[in-house]
Amino acid sequence: MKLLLIFISILLIQAFVGNSILSNAASSSVTMDEESDVVAIDKKHYPKRINCGYLCARRCRASSRKKVCHRACKTCCNRCRCVPPGTYGNKSACPCYASLRTHGNKPKCP
């Protein structure tokens, strides 16, 4: 009889602890990705990484001062995460790139 009573008490303790763990997990900030079965805790969105070196080399290939152009372009690319197409103009494709200015209020990005 004592053995049965001890067994039942152990089962009750396990059930209580299991339910408290499940309720804590349900109230935490765990999200389930709908497309896959991967659980992400406080999943953060990071901006898309682009190859600024390649894009700026393409943008500055017709420049007469390639090093200056490339340095300015890489700074703008790292801040805005985009580089307009072509070697000149087309800044409407990347508004952030077009809006950056120097201390003299001149356009920073080539």
PDB file of N, CA and C in Angstrom:
ATOM      1  N   MET A   1       0.818  -1.184   0.000  1.00  0.00           N
ATOM      2  CA  MET A   1       0.000   0.000   0.000  1.00  0.00           C
ATOM      3  C   MET A   1       0.874   1.264   0.000  1.00  0.00           C
ATOM      4  N   LYS A   2       1.936   1.263   0.834  1.00  0.00           N
ATOM      5  CA  LYS A   2       2.823   2.408   0.877  1.00  0.00           C
ATOM      6  C   LYS A   2       3.525   2.593  -0.461  1.00  0.00           C
ATOM      7  N   LEU A   3       3.883   1.511  -1.115  1.00  0.00           N
ATOM      8  CA  LEU A   3       4.545   1.569  -2.413  1.00  0.00           C
ATOM      9  C   LEU A   3       3.638   2.206  -3.466  1.00  0.00           C
ATOM     10  N   LEU A   4       2.369   1.880  -3.441  1.00  0.00           N
ATOM     11  CA  LEU A   4       1.402   2.453  -4.369  1.00  0.00           C
ATOM     12  C   LEU A   4       1.227   3.946  -4.111  1.00  0.00           C
ATOM     13  N   LEU A   5       1.186   4.334  -2.847  1.00  0.00           N
ATOM     14  CA  LEU A   5       1.043   5.740  -2.475  1.00  0.00           C
ATOM     15  C   LEU A   5       2.269   6.553  -2.920  1.00  0.00           C
ATOM     16  N   ILE A   6       3.458   6.011  -2.771  1.00  0.00           N
ATOM     17  CA  ILE A   6       4.682   6.693  -3.206  1.00  0.00           C
ATOM     18  C   ILE A   6       4.701   6.826  -4.730  1.00  0.00           C
ATOM     19  N   PHE A   7       4.286   5.795  -5.417  1.00  0.00           N
ATOM     20  CA  PHE A   7       4.258   5.809  -6.875  1.00  0.00           C
ATOM     21  C   PHE A   7       3.286   6.876  -7.404  1.00  0.00           C
ATOM     22  N   ILE A   8       2.125   6.977  -6.812  1.00  0.00           N
ATOM     23  CA  ILE A   8       1.120   7.970  -7.219  1.00  0.00           C
ATOM     24  C   ILE A   8       1.624   9.381  -6.931  1.00  0.00           C
ATOM     25  N   SER A   9       2.283   9.588  -5.801  1.00  0.00           N
ATOM     26  CA  SER A   9       2.799  10.921  -5.476  1.00  0.00           C
ATOM     27  C   SER A   9       3.905  11.331  -6.452  1.00  0.00           C
ATOM     28  N   ILE A  10       4.745  10.400  -6.869  1.00  0.00           N
ATOM     29  CA  ILE A  10       5.792  10.701  -7.845  1.00  0.00           C
ATOM     30  C   ILE A  10       5.167  11.086  -9.182  1.00  0.00           C
ATOM     31  N   LEU A  11       4.137  10.375  -9.599  1.00  0.00           N
ATOM     32  CA  LEU A  11       3.450  10.701 -10.852  1.00  0.00           C
ATOM     33  C   LEU A  11       2.807  12.087 -10.795  1.00  0.00           C
ATOM     34  N   LEU A  12       2.210  12.432  -9.665  1.00  0.00           N
ATOM     35  CA  LEU A  12       1.592  13.752  -9.511  1.00  0.00           C
ATOM     36  C   LEU A  12       2.642  14.864  -9.564  1.00  0.00           C
ATOM     37  N   ILE A  13       3.778  14.659  -8.939  1.00  0.00           N
ATOM     38  CA  ILE A  13       4.854  15.653  -8.952  1.00  0.00           C
ATOM     39  C   ILE A  13       5.377  15.844 -10.372  1.00  0.00           C
ATOM     40  N   GLN A  14       5.574  14.752 -11.091  1.00  0.00           N
ATOM     41  CA  GLN A  14       6.050  14.839 -12.470  1.00  0.00           C
ATOM     42  C   GLN A  14       5.037  15.560 -13.360  1.00  0.00           C
ATOM     43  N   ALA A  15       3.756  15.287 -13.161  1.00  0.00           N
ATOM     44  CA  ALA A  15       2.718  15.945 -13.958  1.00  0.00           C
ATOM     45  C   ALA A  15       2.696  17.445 -13.664  1.00  0.00           C
ATOM     46  N   PHE A  16       2.842  17.828 -12.395  1.00  0.00           N
ATOM     47  CA  PHE A  16       2.831  19.240 -12.021  1.00  0.00           C
ATOM     48  C   PHE A  16       4.030  19.976 -12.604  1.00  0.00           C
ATOM     49  N   VAL A  17       5.210  19.400 -12.507  1.00  0.00           N
ATOM     50  CA  VAL A  17       6.424  20.017 -13.035  1.00  0.00           C
ATOM     51  C   VAL A  17       6.349  20.096 -14.559  1.00  0.00           C
ATOM     52  N   GLY A  18       5.873  19.081 -15.209  1.00  0.00           N
ATOM     53  CA  GLY A  18       5.742  19.079 -16.669  1.00  0.00           C
ATOM     54  C   GLY A  18       4.797  20.156 -17.154  1.00  0.00           C
ATOM     55  N   ASN A  19       3.666  20.357 -16.477  1.00  0.00           N
ATOM     56  CA  ASN A  19       2.703  21.382 -16.880  1.00  0.00           C
ATOM     57  C   ASN A  19       3.263  22.782 -16.664  1.00  0.00           C
ATOM     58  N   SER A  20       4.013  22.989 -15.588  1.00  0.00           N
ATOM     59  CA  SER A  20       4.576  24.320 -15.347  1.00  0.00           C
ATOM     60  C   SER A  20       5.637  24.658 -16.390  1.00  0.00           C
ATOM     61  N   ILE A  21       6.410  23.669 -16.842  1.00  0.00           N
ATOM     62  CA  ILE A  21       7.404  23.904 -17.886  1.00  0.00           C
ATOM     63  C   ILE A  21       6.716  24.237 -19.202  1.00  0.00           C
ATOM     64  N   LEU A  22       5.635  23.511 -19.529  1.00  0.00           N
ATOM     65  CA  LEU A  22       4.908  23.770 -20.767  1.00  0.00           C
ATOM     66  C   LEU A  22       4.243  25.142 -20.754  1.00  0.00           C
ATOM     67  N   SER A  23       3.699  25.545 -19.613  1.00  0.00           N
ATOM     68  CA  SER A  23       3.048  26.856 -19.555  1.00  0.00           C
ATOM     69  C   SER A  23       4.080  27.980 -19.665  1.00  0.00           C
ATOM     70  N   ASN A  24       5.272  27.794 -19.114  1.00  0.00           N
ATOM     71  CA  ASN A  24       6.333  28.790 -19.254  1.00  0.00           C
ATOM     72  C   ASN A  24       6.795  28.884 -20.708  1.00  0.00           C
ATOM     73  N   ALA A  25       6.890  27.757 -21.393  1.00  0.00           N
ATOM     74  CA  ALA A  25       7.308  27.754 -22.792  1.00  0.00           C
ATOM     75  C   ALA A  25       6.260  28.423 -23.671  1.00  0.00           C
ATOM     76  N   ALA A  26       4.992  28.251 -23.339  1.00  0.00           N
ATOM     77  CA  ALA A  26       3.934  28.868 -24.145  1.00  0.00           C
ATOM     78  C   ALA A  26       3.901  30.375 -23.965  1.00  0.00           C
ATOM     79  N   SER A  27       4.262  30.877 -22.800  1.00  0.00           N
ATOM     80  CA  SER A  27       4.218  32.316 -22.558  1.00  0.00           C
ATOM     81  C   SER A  27       5.493  33.028 -22.975  1.00  0.00           C
ATOM     82  N   SER A  28       6.562  32.308 -23.310  1.00  0.00           N
ATOM     83  CA  SER A  28       7.807  32.955 -23.724  1.00  0.00           C
ATOM     84  C   SER A  28       7.702  33.399 -25.176  1.00  0.00           C
ATOM     85  N   SER A  29       8.732  34.134 -25.641  1.00  0.00           N
ATOM     86  CA  SER A  29       8.705  34.695 -26.987  1.00  0.00           C
ATOM     87  C   SER A  29       9.324  33.734 -27.987  1.00  0.00           C
ATOM     88  N   VAL A  30       8.757  32.560 -28.105  1.00  0.00           N
ATOM     89  CA  VAL A  30       9.211  31.577 -29.064  1.00  0.00           C
ATOM     90  C   VAL A  30       8.240  31.604 -30.231  1.00  0.00           C
ATOM     91  N   THR A  31       8.766  31.720 -31.456  1.00  0.00           N
ATOM     92  CA  THR A  31       7.916  31.752 -32.632  1.00  0.00           C
ATOM     93  C   THR A  31       8.209  30.544 -33.491  1.00  0.00           C
ATOM     94  N   MET A  32       7.221  30.142 -34.244  1.00  0.00           N
ATOM     95  CA  MET A  32       7.369  29.001 -35.127  1.00  0.00           C
ATOM     96  C   MET A  32       7.342  29.507 -36.554  1.00  0.00           C
ATOM     97  N   ASP A  33       8.342  29.202 -37.318  1.00  0.00           N
ATOM     98  CA  ASP A  33       8.402  29.610 -38.710  1.00  0.00           C
ATOM     99  C   ASP A  33       7.371  28.790 -39.483  1.00  0.00           C
ATOM    100  N   GLU A  34       6.499  29.452 -40.240  1.00  0.00           N
ATOM    101  CA  GLU A  34       5.417  28.763 -40.931  1.00  0.00           C
ATOM    102  C   GLU A  34       5.912  27.886 -42.073  1.00  0.00           C
ATOM    103  N   GLU A  35       6.995  28.277 -42.729  1.00  0.00           N
ATOM    104  CA  GLU A  35       7.477  27.540 -43.876  1.00  0.00           C
ATOM    105  C   GLU A  35       8.289  26.313 -43.498  1.00  0.00           C
ATOM    106  N   SER A  36       8.835  26.277 -42.316  1.00  0.00           N
ATOM    107  CA  SER A  36       9.622  25.131 -41.892  1.00  0.00           C
ATOM    108  C   SER A  36       9.313  24.816 -40.439  1.00  0.00           C
ATOM    109  N   ASP A  37       9.862  23.749 -39.959  1.00  0.00           N
ATOM    110  CA  ASP A  37       9.616  23.319 -38.588  1.00  0.00           C
ATOM    111  C   ASP A  37      10.714  23.788 -37.644  1.00  0.00           C
ATOM    112  N   VAL A  38      11.356  24.879 -37.946  1.00  0.00           N
ATOM    113  CA  VAL A  38      12.449  25.395 -37.139  1.00  0.00           C
ATOM    114  C   VAL A  38      11.887  26.391 -36.137  1.00  0.00           C
ATOM    115  N   VAL A  39      12.270  26.271 -34.886  1.00  0.00           N
ATOM    116  CA  VAL A  39      11.820  27.180 -33.841  1.00  0.00           C
ATOM    117  C   VAL A  39      12.875  28.270 -33.692  1.00  0.00           C
ATOM    118  N   ALA A  40      12.434  29.525 -33.712  1.00  0.00           N
ATOM    119  CA  ALA A  40      13.348  30.658 -33.573  1.00  0.00           C
ATOM    120  C   ALA A  40      12.973  31.451 -32.338  1.00  0.00           C
ATOM    121  N   ILE A  41      13.939  31.730 -31.494  1.00  0.00           N
ATOM    122  CA  ILE A  41      13.711  32.513 -30.284  1.00  0.00           C
ATOM    123  C   ILE A  41      14.081  33.956 -30.595  1.00  0.00           C
ATOM    124  N   ASP A  42      13.111  34.853 -30.455  1.00  0.00           N
ATOM    125  CA  ASP A  42      13.304  36.276 -30.728  1.00  0.00           C
ATOM    126  C   ASP A  42      14.026  36.484 -32.059  1.00  0.00           C
ATOM    127  N   LYS A  43      13.453  35.932 -33.123  1.00  0.00           N
ATOM    128  CA  LYS A  43      14.060  36.011 -34.443  1.00  0.00           C
ATOM    129  C   LYS A  43      14.113  37.469 -34.890  1.00  0.00           C
ATOM    130  N   LYS A  44      15.291  37.921 -35.299  1.00  0.00           N
ATOM    131  CA  LYS A  44      15.482  39.292 -35.751  1.00  0.00           C
ATOM    132  C   LYS A  44      15.697  39.304 -37.253  1.00  0.00           C
ATOM    133  N   HIS A  45      15.251  40.372 -37.868  1.00  0.00           N
ATOM    134  CA  HIS A  45      15.431  40.527 -39.305  1.00  0.00           C
ATOM    135  C   HIS A  45      16.697  41.332 -39.561  1.00  0.00           C
ATOM    136  N   TYR A  46      17.598  40.755 -40.318  1.00  0.00           N
ATOM    137  CA  TYR A  46      18.817  41.447 -40.686  1.00  0.00           C
ATOM    138  C   TYR A  46      18.724  41.846 -42.155  1.00  0.00           C
ATOM    139  N   PRO A  47      19.210  43.047 -42.503  1.00  0.00           N
ATOM    140  CA  PRO A  47      19.144  43.468 -43.897  1.00  0.00           C
ATOM    141  C   PRO A  47      19.942  42.536 -44.801  1.00  0.00           C
ATOM    142  N   LYS A  48      19.507  42.445 -46.024  1.00  0.00           N
ATOM    143  CA  LYS A  48      20.160  41.578 -46.997  1.00  0.00           C
ATOM    144  C   LYS A  48      21.594  42.051 -47.238  1.00  0.00           C
ATOM    145  N   ARG A  49      22.543  41.137 -47.180  1.00  0.00           N
ATOM    146  CA  ARG A  49      23.949  41.461 -47.424  1.00  0.00           C
ATOM    147  C   ARG A  49      24.174  41.514 -48.934  1.00  0.00           C
ATOM    148  N   ILE A  50      24.857  42.556 -49.377  1.00  0.00           N
ATOM    149  CA  ILE A  50      25.193  42.664 -50.791  1.00  0.00           C
ATOM    150  C   ILE A  50      26.692  42.830 -50.916  1.00  0.00           C
ATOM    151  N   ASN A  51      27.203  42.555 -52.099  1.00  0.00           N
ATOM    152  CA  ASN A  51      28.638  42.648 -52.352  1.00  0.00           C
ATOM    153  C   ASN A  51      28.970  44.072 -52.786  1.00  0.00           C
ATOM    154  N   CYS A  52      29.263  44.941 -51.812  1.00  0.00           N
ATOM    155  CA  CYS A  52      29.527  46.353 -52.094  1.00  0.00           C
ATOM    156  C   CYS A  52      30.776  46.532 -52.951  1.00  0.00           C
ATOM    157  N   GLY A  53      31.787  45.704 -52.745  1.00  0.00           N
ATOM    158  CA  GLY A  53      33.019  45.826 -53.528  1.00  0.00           C
ATOM    159  C   GLY A  53      32.759  45.657 -55.017  1.00  0.00           C
ATOM    160  N   TYR A  54      32.000  44.635 -55.372  1.00  0.00           N
ATOM    161  CA  TYR A  54      31.693  44.377 -56.778  1.00  0.00           C
ATOM    162  C   TYR A  54      30.811  45.471 -57.361  1.00  0.00           C
ATOM    163  N   LEU A  55      29.753  45.842 -56.621  1.00  0.00           N
ATOM    164  CA  LEU A  55      28.819  46.848 -57.126  1.00  0.00           C
ATOM    165  C   LEU A  55      29.492  48.208 -57.292  1.00  0.00           C
ATOM    166  N   CYS A  56      30.372  48.573 -56.371  1.00  0.00           N
ATOM    167  CA  CYS A  56      31.062  49.859 -56.462  1.00  0.00           C
ATOM    168  C   CYS A  56      32.133  49.840 -57.553  1.00  0.00           C
ATOM    169  N   ALA A  57      32.770  48.707 -57.782  1.00  0.00           N
ATOM    170  CA  ALA A  57      33.727  48.611 -58.879  1.00  0.00           C
ATOM    171  C   ALA A  57      33.005  48.803 -60.208  1.00  0.00           C
ATOM    172  N   ARG A  58      31.811  48.240 -60.305  1.00  0.00           N
ATOM    173  CA  ARG A  58      31.007  48.412 -61.513  1.00  0.00           C
ATOM    174  C   ARG A  58      30.549  49.860 -61.658  1.00  0.00           C
ATOM    175  N   ARG A  59      30.145  50.489 -60.548  1.00  0.00           N
ATOM    176  CA  ARG A  59      29.676  51.877 -60.574  1.00  0.00           C
ATOM    177  C   ARG A  59      30.802  52.851 -60.919  1.00  0.00           C
ATOM    178  N   CYS A  60      32.012  52.598 -60.437  1.00  0.00           N
ATOM    179  CA  CYS A  60      33.127  53.545 -60.585  1.00  0.00           C
ATOM    180  C   CYS A  60      34.065  53.214 -61.735  1.00  0.00           C
ATOM    181  N   ARG A  61      33.751  52.270 -62.597  1.00  0.00           N
ATOM    182  CA  ARG A  61      34.684  51.855 -63.653  1.00  0.00           C
ATOM    183  C   ARG A  61      34.962  52.953 -64.671  1.00  0.00           C
ATOM    184  N   ALA A  62      34.052  53.917 -64.842  1.00  0.00           N
ATOM    185  CA  ALA A  62      34.274  54.992 -65.817  1.00  0.00           C
ATOM    186  C   ALA A  62      34.772  56.280 -65.155  1.00  0.00           C
ATOM    187  N   SER A  63      34.996  56.243 -63.849  1.00  0.00           N
ATOM    188  CA  SER A  63      35.425  57.437 -63.129  1.00  0.00           C
ATOM    189  C   SER A  63      36.897  57.744 -63.400  1.00  0.00           C
ATOM    190  N   SER A  64      37.229  59.043 -63.393  1.00  0.00           N
ATOM    191  CA  SER A  64      38.627  59.416 -63.596  1.00  0.00           C
ATOM    192  C   SER A  64      39.431  59.257 -62.304  1.00  0.00           C
ATOM    193  N   ARG A  65      38.747  59.309 -61.157  1.00  0.00           N
ATOM    194  CA  ARG A  65      39.405  59.131 -59.851  1.00  0.00           C
ATOM    195  C   ARG A  65      38.813  57.895 -59.190  1.00  0.00           C
ATOM    196  N   LYS A  66      39.263  56.744 -59.612  1.00  0.00           N
ATOM    197  CA  LYS A  66      38.659  55.474 -59.205  1.00  0.00           C
ATOM    198  C   LYS A  66      38.729  55.215 -57.691  1.00  0.00           C
ATOM    199  N   LYS A  67      39.852  55.501 -57.059  1.00  0.00           N
ATOM    200  CA  LYS A  67      39.989  55.228 -55.621  1.00  0.00           C
ATOM    201  C   LYS A  67      39.050  56.099 -54.795  1.00  0.00           C
ATOM    202  N   VAL A  68      38.942  57.376 -55.151  1.00  0.00           N
ATOM    203  CA  VAL A  68      38.048  58.276 -54.431  1.00  0.00           C
ATOM    204  C   VAL A  68      36.597  57.833 -54.623  1.00  0.00           C
ATOM    205  N   CYS A  69      36.257  57.521 -55.873  1.00  0.00           N
ATOM    206  CA  CYS A  69      34.903  57.067 -56.185  1.00  0.00           C
ATOM    207  C   CYS A  69      34.575  55.781 -55.441  1.00  0.00           C
ATOM    208  N   HIS A  70      35.499  54.852 -55.458  1.00  0.00           N
ATOM    209  CA  HIS A  70      35.275  53.546 -54.823  1.00  0.00           C
ATOM    210  C   HIS A  70      35.111  53.689 -53.304  1.00  0.00           C
ATOM    211  N   ARG A  71      35.916  54.532 -52.677  1.00  0.00           N
ATOM    212  CA  ARG A  71      35.819  54.744 -51.230  1.00  0.00           C
ATOM    213  C   ARG A  71      34.474  55.360 -50.848  1.00  0.00           C
ATOM    214  N   ALA A  72      34.050  56.375 -51.583  1.00  0.00           N
ATOM    215  CA  ALA A  72      32.768  57.025 -51.302  1.00  0.00           C
ATOM    216  C   ALA A  72      31.611  56.074 -51.573  1.00  0.00           C
ATOM    217  N   CYS A  73      31.710  55.338 -52.647  1.00  0.00           N
ATOM    218  CA  CYS A  73      30.642  54.402 -53.008  1.00  0.00           C
ATOM    219  C   CYS A  73      30.487  53.301 -51.962  1.00  0.00           C
ATOM    220  N   LYS A  74      31.596  52.766 -51.468  1.00  0.00           N
ATOM    221  CA  LYS A  74      31.517  51.706 -50.453  1.00  0.00           C
ATOM    222  C   LYS A  74      30.894  52.213 -49.156  1.00  0.00           C
ATOM    223  N   THR A  75      31.209  53.465 -48.784  1.00  0.00           N
ATOM    224  CA  THR A  75      30.595  54.048 -47.585  1.00  0.00           C
ATOM    225  C   THR A  75      29.088  54.142 -47.768  1.00  0.00           C
ATOM    226  N   CYS A  76      28.669  54.640 -48.915  1.00  0.00           N
ATOM    227  CA  CYS A  76      27.233  54.780 -49.198  1.00  0.00           C
ATOM    228  C   CYS A  76      26.554  53.413 -49.284  1.00  0.00           C
ATOM    229  N   CYS A  77      27.211  52.470 -49.887  1.00  0.00           N
ATOM    230  CA  CYS A  77      26.645  51.124 -50.036  1.00  0.00           C
ATOM    231  C   CYS A  77      26.463  50.458 -48.680  1.00  0.00           C
ATOM    232  N   ASN A  78      27.436  50.616 -47.794  1.00  0.00           N
ATOM    233  CA  ASN A  78      27.327  50.004 -46.467  1.00  0.00           C
ATOM    234  C   ASN A  78      26.197  50.625 -45.655  1.00  0.00           C
ATOM    235  N   ARG A  79      25.934  51.904 -45.832  1.00  0.00           N
ATOM    236  CA  ARG A  79      24.855  52.564 -45.099  1.00  0.00           C
ATOM    237  C   ARG A  79      23.487  52.243 -45.694  1.00  0.00           C
ATOM    238  N   CYS A  80      23.397  52.242 -47.023  1.00  0.00           N
ATOM    239  CA  CYS A  80      22.097  52.125 -47.698  1.00  0.00           C
ATOM    240  C   CYS A  80      21.750  50.718 -48.160  1.00  0.00           C
ATOM    241  N   ARG A  81      22.735  49.841 -48.258  1.00  0.00           N
ATOM    242  CA  ARG A  81      22.542  48.473 -48.744  1.00  0.00           C
ATOM    243  C   ARG A  81      22.017  48.428 -50.175  1.00  0.00           C
ATOM    244  N   CYS A  82      22.399  49.430 -50.982  1.00  0.00           N
ATOM    245  CA  CYS A  82      22.068  49.414 -52.404  1.00  0.00           C
ATOM    246  C   CYS A  82      23.003  50.351 -53.152  1.00  0.00           C
ATOM    247  N   VAL A  83      23.184  50.078 -54.442  1.00  0.00           N
ATOM    248  CA  VAL A  83      23.976  50.924 -55.331  1.00  0.00           C
ATOM    249  C   VAL A  83      23.177  51.039 -56.624  1.00  0.00           C
ATOM    250  N   PRO A  84      22.967  52.268 -57.126  1.00  0.00           N
ATOM    251  CA  PRO A  84      22.212  52.418 -58.373  1.00  0.00           C
ATOM    252  C   PRO A  84      22.922  51.739 -59.543  1.00  0.00           C
ATOM    253  N   PRO A  85      22.177  51.280 -60.521  1.00  0.00           N
ATOM    254  CA  PRO A  85      22.798  50.630 -61.682  1.00  0.00           C
ATOM    255  C   PRO A  85      23.499  51.654 -62.574  1.00  0.00           C
ATOM    256  N   GLY A  86      24.450  51.197 -63.355  1.00  0.00           N
ATOM    257  CA  GLY A  86      25.149  52.067 -64.295  1.00  0.00           C
ATOM    258  C   GLY A  86      26.323  52.781 -63.654  1.00  0.00           C
ATOM    259  N   THR A  87      27.005  53.589 -64.467  1.00  0.00           N
ATOM    260  CA  THR A  87      28.187  54.296 -63.983  1.00  0.00           C
ATOM    261  C   THR A  87      27.882  55.724 -63.559  1.00  0.00           C
ATOM    262  N   TYR A  88      26.697  56.248 -63.897  1.00  0.00           N
ATOM    263  CA  TYR A  88      26.348  57.624 -63.555  1.00  0.00           C
ATOM    264  C   TYR A  88      24.826  57.751 -63.491  1.00  0.00           C
ATOM    265  N   GLY A  89      24.344  58.605 -62.598  1.00  0.00           N
ATOM    266  CA  GLY A  89      22.903  58.859 -62.514  1.00  0.00           C
ATOM    267  C   GLY A  89      22.143  57.688 -61.930  1.00  0.00           C
ATOM    268  N   ASN A  90      20.895  57.535 -62.310  1.00  0.00           N
ATOM    269  CA  ASN A  90      19.986  56.465 -61.864  1.00  0.00           C
ATOM    270  C   ASN A  90      19.818  56.434 -60.349  1.00  0.00           C
ATOM    271  N   LYS A  91      19.997  57.568 -59.679  1.00  0.00           N
ATOM    272  CA  LYS A  91      19.915  57.584 -58.223  1.00  0.00           C
ATOM    273  C   LYS A  91      18.491  57.407 -57.717  1.00  0.00           C
ATOM    274  N   SER A  92      17.504  57.509 -58.609  1.00  0.00           N
ATOM    275  CA  SER A  92      16.121  57.289 -58.202  1.00  0.00           C
ATOM    276  C   SER A  92      15.885  55.822 -57.832  1.00  0.00           C
ATOM    277  N   ALA A  93      16.759  54.923 -58.282  1.00  0.00           N
ATOM    278  CA  ALA A  93      16.635  53.504 -57.954  1.00  0.00           C
ATOM    279  C   ALA A  93      16.996  53.230 -56.499  1.00  0.00           C
ATOM    280  N   CYS A  94      17.720  54.168 -55.880  1.00  0.00           N
ATOM    281  CA  CYS A  94      18.150  53.996 -54.494  1.00  0.00           C
ATOM    282  C   CYS A  94      18.062  55.353 -53.783  1.00  0.00           C
ATOM    283  N   PRO A  95      16.890  55.703 -53.222  1.00  0.00           N
ATOM    284  CA  PRO A  95      16.697  57.024 -52.618  1.00  0.00           C
ATOM    285  C   PRO A  95      17.667  57.325 -51.474  1.00  0.00           C
ATOM    286  N   CYS A  96      18.006  56.345 -50.673  1.00  0.00           N
ATOM    287  CA  CYS A  96      18.949  56.550 -49.570  1.00  0.00           C
ATOM    288  C   CYS A  96      20.303  56.978 -50.121  1.00  0.00           C
ATOM    289  N   TYR A  97      20.739  56.321 -51.166  1.00  0.00           N
ATOM    290  CA  TYR A  97      22.018  56.604 -51.810  1.00  0.00           C
ATOM    291  C   TYR A  97      22.052  58.048 -52.311  1.00  0.00           C
ATOM    292  N   ALA A  98      20.926  58.507 -52.856  1.00  0.00           N
ATOM    293  CA  ALA A  98      20.841  59.859 -53.402  1.00  0.00           C
ATOM    294  C   ALA A  98      20.750  60.927 -52.314  1.00  0.00           C
ATOM    295  N   SER A  99      20.262  60.559 -51.131  1.00  0.00           N
ATOM    296  CA  SER A  99      20.023  61.561 -50.089  1.00  0.00           C
ATOM    297  C   SER A  99      21.241  61.842 -49.207  1.00  0.00           C
ATOM    298  N   LEU A 100      22.268  61.003 -49.244  1.00  0.00           N
ATOM    299  CA  LEU A 100      23.447  61.232 -48.403  1.00  0.00           C
ATOM    300  C   LEU A 100      24.230  62.443 -48.899  1.00  0.00           C
ATOM    301  N   ARG A 101      24.644  63.298 -47.968  1.00  0.00           N
ATOM    302  CA  ARG A 101      25.337  64.546 -48.299  1.00  0.00           C
ATOM    303  C   ARG A 101      26.619  64.671 -47.488  1.00  0.00           C
ATOM    304  N   THR A 102      27.585  65.459 -48.019  1.00  0.00           N
ATOM    305  CA  THR A 102      28.824  65.764 -47.301  1.00  0.00           C
ATOM    306  C   THR A 102      28.563  66.931 -46.341  1.00  0.00           C
ATOM    307  N   HIS A 103      29.601  67.331 -45.608  1.00  0.00           N
ATOM    308  CA  HIS A 103      29.459  68.480 -44.714  1.00  0.00           C
ATOM    309  C   HIS A 103      29.193  69.767 -45.490  1.00  0.00           C
ATOM    310  N   GLY A 104      29.648  69.834 -46.729  1.00  0.00           N
ATOM    311  CA  GLY A 104      29.406  70.996 -47.578  1.00  0.00           C
ATOM    312  C   GLY A 104      28.087  70.925 -48.315  1.00  0.00           C
ATOM    313  N   ASN A 105      27.218  69.983 -47.954  1.00  0.00           N
ATOM    314  CA  ASN A 105      25.903  69.759 -48.538  1.00  0.00           C
ATOM    315  C   ASN A 105      25.976  69.396 -50.021  1.00  0.00           C
ATOM    316  N   LYS A 106      27.064  68.742 -50.419  1.00  0.00           N
ATOM    317  CA  LYS A 106      27.188  68.207 -51.773  1.00  0.00           C
ATOM    318  C   LYS A 106      26.845  66.719 -51.730  1.00  0.00           C
ATOM    319  N   PRO A 107      26.417  66.145 -52.850  1.00  0.00           N
ATOM    320  CA  PRO A 107      26.118  64.702 -52.853  1.00  0.00           C
ATOM    321  C   PRO A 107      27.358  63.889 -52.484  1.00  0.00           C
ATOM    322  N   LYS A 108      27.208  62.975 -51.539  1.00  0.00           N
ATOM    323  CA  LYS A 108      28.340  62.175 -51.074  1.00  0.00           C
ATOM    324  C   LYS A 108      28.631  61.016 -52.020  1.00  0.00           C
ATOM    325  N   CYS A 109      27.576  60.439 -52.536  1.00  0.00           N
ATOM    326  CA  CYS A 109      27.719  59.187 -53.296  1.00  0.00           C
ATOM    327  C   CYS A 109      27.849  59.443 -54.782  1.00  0.00           C
ATOM    328  N   PRO A 110      28.798  58.752 -55.425  1.00  0.00           N
ATOM    329  CA  PRO A 110      29.016  58.948 -56.872  1.00  0.00           C
ATOM    330  C   PRO A 110      27.902  58.321 -57.706  1.00  0.00           C
TER     331      PRO A 110
END
